[in-house]
Amino acid sequence: MRNTKIKFTLEKMLTERNMTQKELALKTGLRESTLSDMKRRNALNLSHVATICEALGVTDISEALELTYDK
């Protein structure tokens, strides 16, 4: 059986929108440290993911989450 991982593509979404983590923190009300943890450790809190997606105008969750498989 393969090991499946879910990656939160926060860095990619911010880059595509030319937005900083600080700007996203201000827009969402989430702390910068929370966003940093989500980006670095891929620590997902689904309500935070939903808040971020709403703030970034993401309507397709596949833009925010990526599945990877280890062999």
PDB file of N, CA and C in Angstrom:
ATOM      1  N   MET A   1       0.838  -1.182   0.000  1.00  0.00           N
ATOM      2  CA  MET A   1       0.000   0.000   0.000  1.00  0.00           C
ATOM      3  C   MET A   1       0.888   1.253   0.000  1.00  0.00           C
ATOM      4  N   ARG A   2       0.499   2.227  -0.802  1.00  0.00           N
ATOM      5  CA  ARG A   2       1.271   3.467  -0.895  1.00  0.00           C
ATOM      6  C   ARG A   2       0.910   4.405   0.249  1.00  0.00           C
ATOM      7  N   ASN A   3       1.879   5.199   0.629  1.00  0.00           N
ATOM      8  CA  ASN A   3       1.680   6.218   1.649  1.00  0.00           C
ATOM      9  C   ASN A   3       1.155   7.477   0.965  1.00  0.00           C
ATOM     10  N   THR A   4      -0.044   7.896   1.333  1.00  0.00           N
ATOM     11  CA  THR A   4      -0.668   9.064   0.729  1.00  0.00           C
ATOM     12  C   THR A   4      -0.508  10.270   1.646  1.00  0.00           C
ATOM     13  N   LYS A   5      -0.119  11.396   1.070  1.00  0.00           N
ATOM     14  CA  LYS A   5       0.035  12.635   1.835  1.00  0.00           C
ATOM     15  C   LYS A   5      -0.805  13.730   1.190  1.00  0.00           C
ATOM     16  N   ILE A   6      -1.322  14.594   2.020  1.00  0.00           N
ATOM     17  CA  ILE A   6      -2.069  15.755   1.546  1.00  0.00           C
ATOM     18  C   ILE A   6      -1.223  16.984   1.828  1.00  0.00           C
ATOM     19  N   LYS A   7      -0.951  17.753   0.790  1.00  0.00           N
ATOM     20  CA  LYS A   7      -0.134  18.958   0.932  1.00  0.00           C
ATOM     21  C   LYS A   7      -1.017  20.188   0.738  1.00  0.00           C
ATOM     22  N   PHE A   8      -0.878  21.145   1.641  1.00  0.00           N
ATOM     23  CA  PHE A   8      -1.574  22.419   1.537  1.00  0.00           C
ATOM     24  C   PHE A   8      -0.682  23.354   0.736  1.00  0.00           C
ATOM     25  N   THR A   9      -1.157  23.856  -0.377  1.00  0.00           N
ATOM     26  CA  THR A   9      -0.329  24.618  -1.320  1.00  0.00           C
ATOM     27  C   THR A   9      -0.376  26.127  -1.040  1.00  0.00           C
ATOM     28  N   LEU A  10      -0.234  26.491   0.214  1.00  0.00           N
ATOM     29  CA  LEU A  10      -0.340  27.895   0.609  1.00  0.00           C
ATOM     30  C   LEU A  10       0.691  28.770  -0.089  1.00  0.00           C
ATOM     31  N   GLU A  11       1.941  28.351  -0.095  1.00  0.00           N
ATOM     32  CA  GLU A  11       3.004  29.157  -0.724  1.00  0.00           C
ATOM     33  C   GLU A  11       2.692  29.424  -2.198  1.00  0.00           C
ATOM     34  N   LYS A  12       2.271  28.393  -2.896  1.00  0.00           N
ATOM     35  CA  LYS A  12       1.936  28.515  -4.322  1.00  0.00           C
ATOM     36  C   LYS A  12       0.776  29.498  -4.527  1.00  0.00           C
ATOM     37  N   MET A  13      -0.252  29.387  -3.700  1.00  0.00           N
ATOM     38  CA  MET A  13      -1.405  30.277  -3.846  1.00  0.00           C
ATOM     39  C   MET A  13      -1.022  31.727  -3.569  1.00  0.00           C
ATOM     40  N   LEU A  14      -0.180  31.947  -2.560  1.00  0.00           N
ATOM     41  CA  LEU A  14       0.263  33.306  -2.263  1.00  0.00           C
ATOM     42  C   LEU A  14       1.105  33.876  -3.404  1.00  0.00           C
ATOM     43  N   THR A  15       1.998  33.072  -3.931  1.00  0.00           N
ATOM     44  CA  THR A  15       2.860  33.513  -5.036  1.00  0.00           C
ATOM     45  C   THR A  15       2.023  33.877  -6.257  1.00  0.00           C
ATOM     46  N   GLU A  16       1.058  33.023  -6.594  1.00  0.00           N
ATOM     47  CA  GLU A  16       0.198  33.283  -7.758  1.00  0.00           C
ATOM     48  C   GLU A  16      -0.592  34.579  -7.619  1.00  0.00           C
ATOM     49  N   ARG A  17      -0.860  34.965  -6.381  1.00  0.00           N
ATOM     50  CA  ARG A  17      -1.657  36.173  -6.137  1.00  0.00           C
ATOM     51  C   ARG A  17      -0.794  37.367  -5.730  1.00  0.00           C
ATOM     52  N   ASN A  18       0.531  37.163  -5.792  1.00  0.00           N
ATOM     53  CA  ASN A  18       1.471  38.216  -5.405  1.00  0.00           C
ATOM     54  C   ASN A  18       1.114  38.795  -4.036  1.00  0.00           C
ATOM     55  N   MET A  19       0.870  37.891  -3.090  1.00  0.00           N
ATOM     56  CA  MET A  19       0.447  38.281  -1.756  1.00  0.00           C
ATOM     57  C   MET A  19       1.438  37.734  -0.724  1.00  0.00           C
ATOM     58  N   THR A  20       1.661  38.497   0.324  1.00  0.00           N
ATOM     59  CA  THR A  20       2.545  38.030   1.385  1.00  0.00           C
ATOM     60  C   THR A  20       1.726  37.318   2.469  1.00  0.00           C
ATOM     61  N   GLN A  21       2.449  36.590   3.273  1.00  0.00           N
ATOM     62  CA  GLN A  21       1.830  35.907   4.402  1.00  0.00           C
ATOM     63  C   GLN A  21       1.227  36.932   5.361  1.00  0.00           C
ATOM     64  N   LYS A  22       1.911  38.047   5.529  1.00  0.00           N
ATOM     65  CA  LYS A  22       1.422  39.112   6.410  1.00  0.00           C
ATOM     66  C   LYS A  22       0.100  39.688   5.886  1.00  0.00           C
ATOM     67  N   GLU A  23       0.024  39.913   4.577  1.00  0.00           N
ATOM     68  CA  GLU A  23      -1.215  40.429   3.980  1.00  0.00           C
ATOM     69  C   GLU A  23      -2.361  39.439   4.167  1.00  0.00           C
ATOM     70  N   LEU A  24      -2.063  38.157   4.005  1.00  0.00           N
ATOM     71  CA  LEU A  24      -3.093  37.138   4.191  1.00  0.00           C
ATOM     72  C   LEU A  24      -3.543  37.104   5.653  1.00  0.00           C
ATOM     73  N   ALA A  25      -2.606  37.242   6.566  1.00  0.00           N
ATOM     74  CA  ALA A  25      -2.951  37.264   7.987  1.00  0.00           C
ATOM     75  C   ALA A  25      -3.909  38.416   8.290  1.00  0.00           C
ATOM     76  N   LEU A  26      -3.629  39.578   7.745  1.00  0.00           N
ATOM     77  CA  LEU A  26      -4.506  40.737   7.944  1.00  0.00           C
ATOM     78  C   LEU A  26      -5.883  40.515   7.331  1.00  0.00           C
ATOM     79  N   LYS A  27      -5.910  39.879   6.172  1.00  0.00           N
ATOM     80  CA  LYS A  27      -7.170  39.651   5.452  1.00  0.00           C
ATOM     81  C   LYS A  27      -8.040  38.590   6.122  1.00  0.00           C
ATOM     82  N   THR A  28      -7.397  37.588   6.750  1.00  0.00           N
ATOM     83  CA  THR A  28      -8.142  36.475   7.334  1.00  0.00           C
ATOM     84  C   THR A  28      -8.351  36.578   8.834  1.00  0.00           C
ATOM     85  N   GLY A  29      -7.508  37.374   9.498  1.00  0.00           N
ATOM     86  CA  GLY A  29      -7.578  37.424  10.949  1.00  0.00           C
ATOM     87  C   GLY A  29      -6.807  36.289  11.615  1.00  0.00           C
ATOM     88  N   LEU A  30      -6.144  35.463  10.818  1.00  0.00           N
ATOM     89  CA  LEU A  30      -5.313  34.388  11.367  1.00  0.00           C
ATOM     90  C   LEU A  30      -3.939  34.956  11.701  1.00  0.00           C
ATOM     91  N   ARG A  31      -3.314  34.424  12.732  1.00  0.00           N
ATOM     92  CA  ARG A  31      -1.983  34.895  13.091  1.00  0.00           C
ATOM     93  C   ARG A  31      -0.966  34.459  12.040  1.00  0.00           C
ATOM     94  N   GLU A  32       0.050  35.291  11.848  1.00  0.00           N
ATOM     95  CA  GLU A  32       1.126  34.948  10.915  1.00  0.00           C
ATOM     96  C   GLU A  32       1.802  33.647  11.318  1.00  0.00           C
ATOM     97  N   SER A  33       1.945  33.435  12.612  1.00  0.00           N
ATOM     98  CA  SER A  33       2.591  32.202  13.087  1.00  0.00           C
ATOM     99  C   SER A  33       1.754  30.971  12.733  1.00  0.00           C
ATOM    100  N   THR A  34       0.443  31.113  12.740  1.00  0.00           N
ATOM    101  CA  THR A  34      -0.436  30.009  12.337  1.00  0.00           C
ATOM    102  C   THR A  34      -0.232  29.683  10.867  1.00  0.00           C
ATOM    103  N   LEU A  35      -0.185  30.728  10.041  1.00  0.00           N
ATOM    104  CA  LEU A  35       0.040  30.530   8.609  1.00  0.00           C
ATOM    105  C   LEU A  35       1.413  29.915   8.356  1.00  0.00           C
ATOM    106  N   SER A  36       2.394  30.372   9.086  1.00  0.00           N
ATOM    107  CA  SER A  36       3.745  29.839   8.946  1.00  0.00           C
ATOM    108  C   SER A  36       3.789  28.355   9.302  1.00  0.00           C
ATOM    109  N   ASP A  37       3.126  27.985  10.388  1.00  0.00           N
ATOM    110  CA  ASP A  37       3.059  26.572  10.775  1.00  0.00           C
ATOM    111  C   ASP A  37       2.365  25.741   9.712  1.00  0.00           C
ATOM    112  N   MET A  38       1.288  26.274   9.160  1.00  0.00           N
ATOM    113  CA  MET A  38       0.557  25.543   8.118  1.00  0.00           C
ATOM    114  C   MET A  38       1.438  25.331   6.899  1.00  0.00           C
ATOM    115  N   LYS A  39       2.239  26.325   6.580  1.00  0.00           N
ATOM    116  CA  LYS A  39       3.115  26.251   5.410  1.00  0.00           C
ATOM    117  C   LYS A  39       4.302  25.329   5.656  1.00  0.00           C
ATOM    118  N   ARG A  40       4.947  25.477   6.796  1.00  0.00           N
ATOM    119  CA  ARG A  40       6.159  24.714   7.112  1.00  0.00           C
ATOM    120  C   ARG A  40       5.891  23.265   7.451  1.00  0.00           C
ATOM    121  N   ARG A  41       4.950  23.056   8.343  1.00  0.00           N
ATOM    122  CA  ARG A  41       4.723  21.709   8.852  1.00  0.00           C
ATOM    123  C   ARG A  41       3.550  21.024   8.184  1.00  0.00           C
ATOM    124  N   ASN A  42       2.908  21.724   7.262  1.00  0.00           N
ATOM    125  CA  ASN A  42       1.728  21.194   6.589  1.00  0.00           C
ATOM    126  C   ASN A  42       0.677  20.775   7.616  1.00  0.00           C
ATOM    127  N   ALA A  43       0.590  21.547   8.700  1.00  0.00           N
ATOM    128  CA  ALA A  43      -0.389  21.293   9.751  1.00  0.00           C
ATOM    129  C   ALA A  43      -1.726  21.875   9.310  1.00  0.00           C
ATOM    130  N   LEU A  44      -2.687  21.014   9.032  1.00  0.00           N
ATOM    131  CA  LEU A  44      -3.950  21.483   8.480  1.00  0.00           C
ATOM    132  C   LEU A  44      -5.052  21.538   9.530  1.00  0.00           C
ATOM    133  N   ASN A  45      -5.674  22.680   9.603  1.00  0.00           N
ATOM    134  CA  ASN A  45      -6.882  22.882  10.375  1.00  0.00           C
ATOM    135  C   ASN A  45      -7.919  23.242   9.321  1.00  0.00           C
ATOM    136  N   LEU A  46      -8.931  22.404   9.164  1.00  0.00           N
ATOM    137  CA  LEU A  46      -9.865  22.601   8.049  1.00  0.00           C
ATOM    138  C   LEU A  46     -10.606  23.931   8.103  1.00  0.00           C
ATOM    139  N   SER A  47     -10.903  24.432   9.282  1.00  0.00           N
ATOM    140  CA  SER A  47     -11.588  25.731   9.317  1.00  0.00           C
ATOM    141  C   SER A  47     -10.639  26.841   8.867  1.00  0.00           C
ATOM    142  N   HIS A  48      -9.338  26.718   9.180  1.00  0.00           N
ATOM    143  CA  HIS A  48      -8.357  27.691   8.695  1.00  0.00           C
ATOM    144  C   HIS A  48      -8.208  27.587   7.181  1.00  0.00           C
ATOM    145  N   VAL A  49      -8.188  26.363   6.664  1.00  0.00           N
ATOM    146  CA  VAL A  49      -8.093  26.162   5.211  1.00  0.00           C
ATOM    147  C   VAL A  49      -9.284  26.832   4.534  1.00  0.00           C
ATOM    148  N   ALA A  50     -10.477  26.646   5.085  1.00  0.00           N
ATOM    149  CA  ALA A  50     -11.680  27.259   4.509  1.00  0.00           C
ATOM    150  C   ALA A  50     -11.602  28.783   4.550  1.00  0.00           C
ATOM    151  N   THR A  51     -11.131  29.333   5.660  1.00  0.00           N
ATOM    152  CA  THR A  51     -10.982  30.790   5.802  1.00  0.00           C
ATOM    153  C   THR A  51     -10.002  31.336   4.770  1.00  0.00           C
ATOM    154  N   ILE A  52      -8.881  30.647   4.606  1.00  0.00           N
ATOM    155  CA  ILE A  52      -7.864  31.074   3.643  1.00  0.00           C
ATOM    156  C   ILE A  52      -8.400  30.981   2.222  1.00  0.00           C
ATOM    157  N   CYS A  53      -9.072  29.889   1.898  1.00  0.00           N
ATOM    158  CA  CYS A  53      -9.633  29.729   0.552  1.00  0.00           C
ATOM    159  C   CYS A  53     -10.634  30.834   0.243  1.00  0.00           C
ATOM    160  N   GLU A  54     -11.470  31.158   1.205  1.00  0.00           N
ATOM    161  CA  GLU A  54     -12.445  32.229   1.004  1.00  0.00           C
ATOM    162  C   GLU A  54     -11.729  33.563   0.761  1.00  0.00           C
ATOM    163  N   ALA A  55     -10.714  33.857   1.557  1.00  0.00           N
ATOM    164  CA  ALA A  55      -9.984  35.123   1.425  1.00  0.00           C
ATOM    165  C   ALA A  55      -9.254  35.226   0.092  1.00  0.00           C
ATOM    166  N   LEU A  56      -8.792  34.080  -0.431  1.00  0.00           N
ATOM    167  CA  LEU A  56      -8.043  34.074  -1.697  1.00  0.00           C
ATOM    168  C   LEU A  56      -8.941  33.853  -2.914  1.00  0.00           C
ATOM    169  N   GLY A  57     -10.230  33.679  -2.684  1.00  0.00           N
ATOM    170  CA  GLY A  57     -11.152  33.469  -3.805  1.00  0.00           C
ATOM    171  C   GLY A  57     -11.056  32.085  -4.421  1.00  0.00           C
ATOM    172  N   VAL A  58     -10.596  31.117  -3.650  1.00  0.00           N
ATOM    173  CA  VAL A  58     -10.474  29.743  -4.141  1.00  0.00           C
ATOM    174  C   VAL A  58     -11.839  29.082  -4.070  1.00  0.00           C
ATOM    175  N   THR A  59     -12.307  28.586  -5.214  1.00  0.00           N
ATOM    176  CA  THR A  59     -13.606  27.914  -5.241  1.00  0.00           C
ATOM    177  C   THR A  59     -13.473  26.418  -5.507  1.00  0.00           C
ATOM    178  N   ASP A  60     -12.303  25.986  -5.912  1.00  0.00           N
ATOM    179  CA  ASP A  60     -12.032  24.570  -6.169  1.00  0.00           C
ATOM    180  C   ASP A  60     -10.960  24.101  -5.191  1.00  0.00           C
ATOM    181  N   ILE A  61     -11.327  23.226  -4.275  1.00  0.00           N
ATOM    182  CA  ILE A  61     -10.410  22.796  -3.214  1.00  0.00           C
ATOM    183  C   ILE A  61      -9.133  22.163  -3.760  1.00  0.00           C
ATOM    184  N   SER A  62      -9.178  21.657  -4.986  1.00  0.00           N
ATOM    185  CA  SER A  62      -7.971  21.054  -5.559  1.00  0.00           C
ATOM    186  C   SER A  62      -6.890  22.107  -5.828  1.00  0.00           C
ATOM    187  N   GLU A  63      -7.260  23.372  -5.816  1.00  0.00           N
ATOM    188  CA  GLU A  63      -6.261  24.434  -5.942  1.00  0.00           C
ATOM    189  C   GLU A  63      -5.463  24.585  -4.638  1.00  0.00           C
ATOM    190  N   ALA A  64      -6.081  24.210  -3.525  1.00  0.00           N
ATOM    191  CA  ALA A  64      -5.467  24.391  -2.212  1.00  0.00           C
ATOM    192  C   ALA A  64      -4.817  23.122  -1.669  1.00  0.00           C
ATOM    193  N   LEU A  65      -5.287  21.972  -2.103  1.00  0.00           N
ATOM    194  CA  LEU A  65      -4.782  20.705  -1.587  1.00  0.00           C
ATOM    195  C   LEU A  65      -4.247  19.843  -2.720  1.00  0.00           C
ATOM    196  N   GLU A  66      -3.161  19.176  -2.437  1.00  0.00           N
ATOM    197  CA  GLU A  66      -2.504  18.329  -3.438  1.00  0.00           C
ATOM    198  C   GLU A  66      -2.243  16.963  -2.820  1.00  0.00           C
ATOM    199  N   LEU A  67      -2.609  15.898  -3.510  1.00  0.00           N
ATOM    200  CA  LEU A  67      -2.309  14.536  -3.043  1.00  0.00           C
ATOM    201  C   LEU A  67      -0.989  14.067  -3.626  1.00  0.00           C
ATOM    202  N   THR A  68      -0.167  13.480  -2.771  1.00  0.00           N
ATOM    203  CA  THR A  68       1.074  12.879  -3.237  1.00  0.00           C
ATOM    204  C   THR A  68       1.138  11.446  -2.730  1.00  0.00           C
ATOM    205  N   TYR A  69       1.782  10.605  -3.486  1.00  0.00           N
ATOM    206  CA  TYR A  69       1.874   9.199  -3.130  1.00  0.00           C
ATOM    207  C   TYR A  69       3.322   8.764  -3.110  1.00  0.00           C
ATOM    208  N   ASP A  70       3.737   8.126  -2.030  1.00  0.00           N
ATOM    209  CA  ASP A  70       5.049   7.520  -1.968  1.00  0.00           C
ATOM    210  C   ASP A  70       4.944   6.119  -2.559  1.00  0.00           C
ATOM    211  N   LYS A  71       6.034   5.684  -3.172  1.00  0.00           N
ATOM    212  CA  LYS A  71       6.028   4.332  -3.750  1.00  0.00           C
ATOM    213  C   LYS A  71       6.303   3.288  -2.708  1.00  0.00           C
TER     214      LYS A  71
END
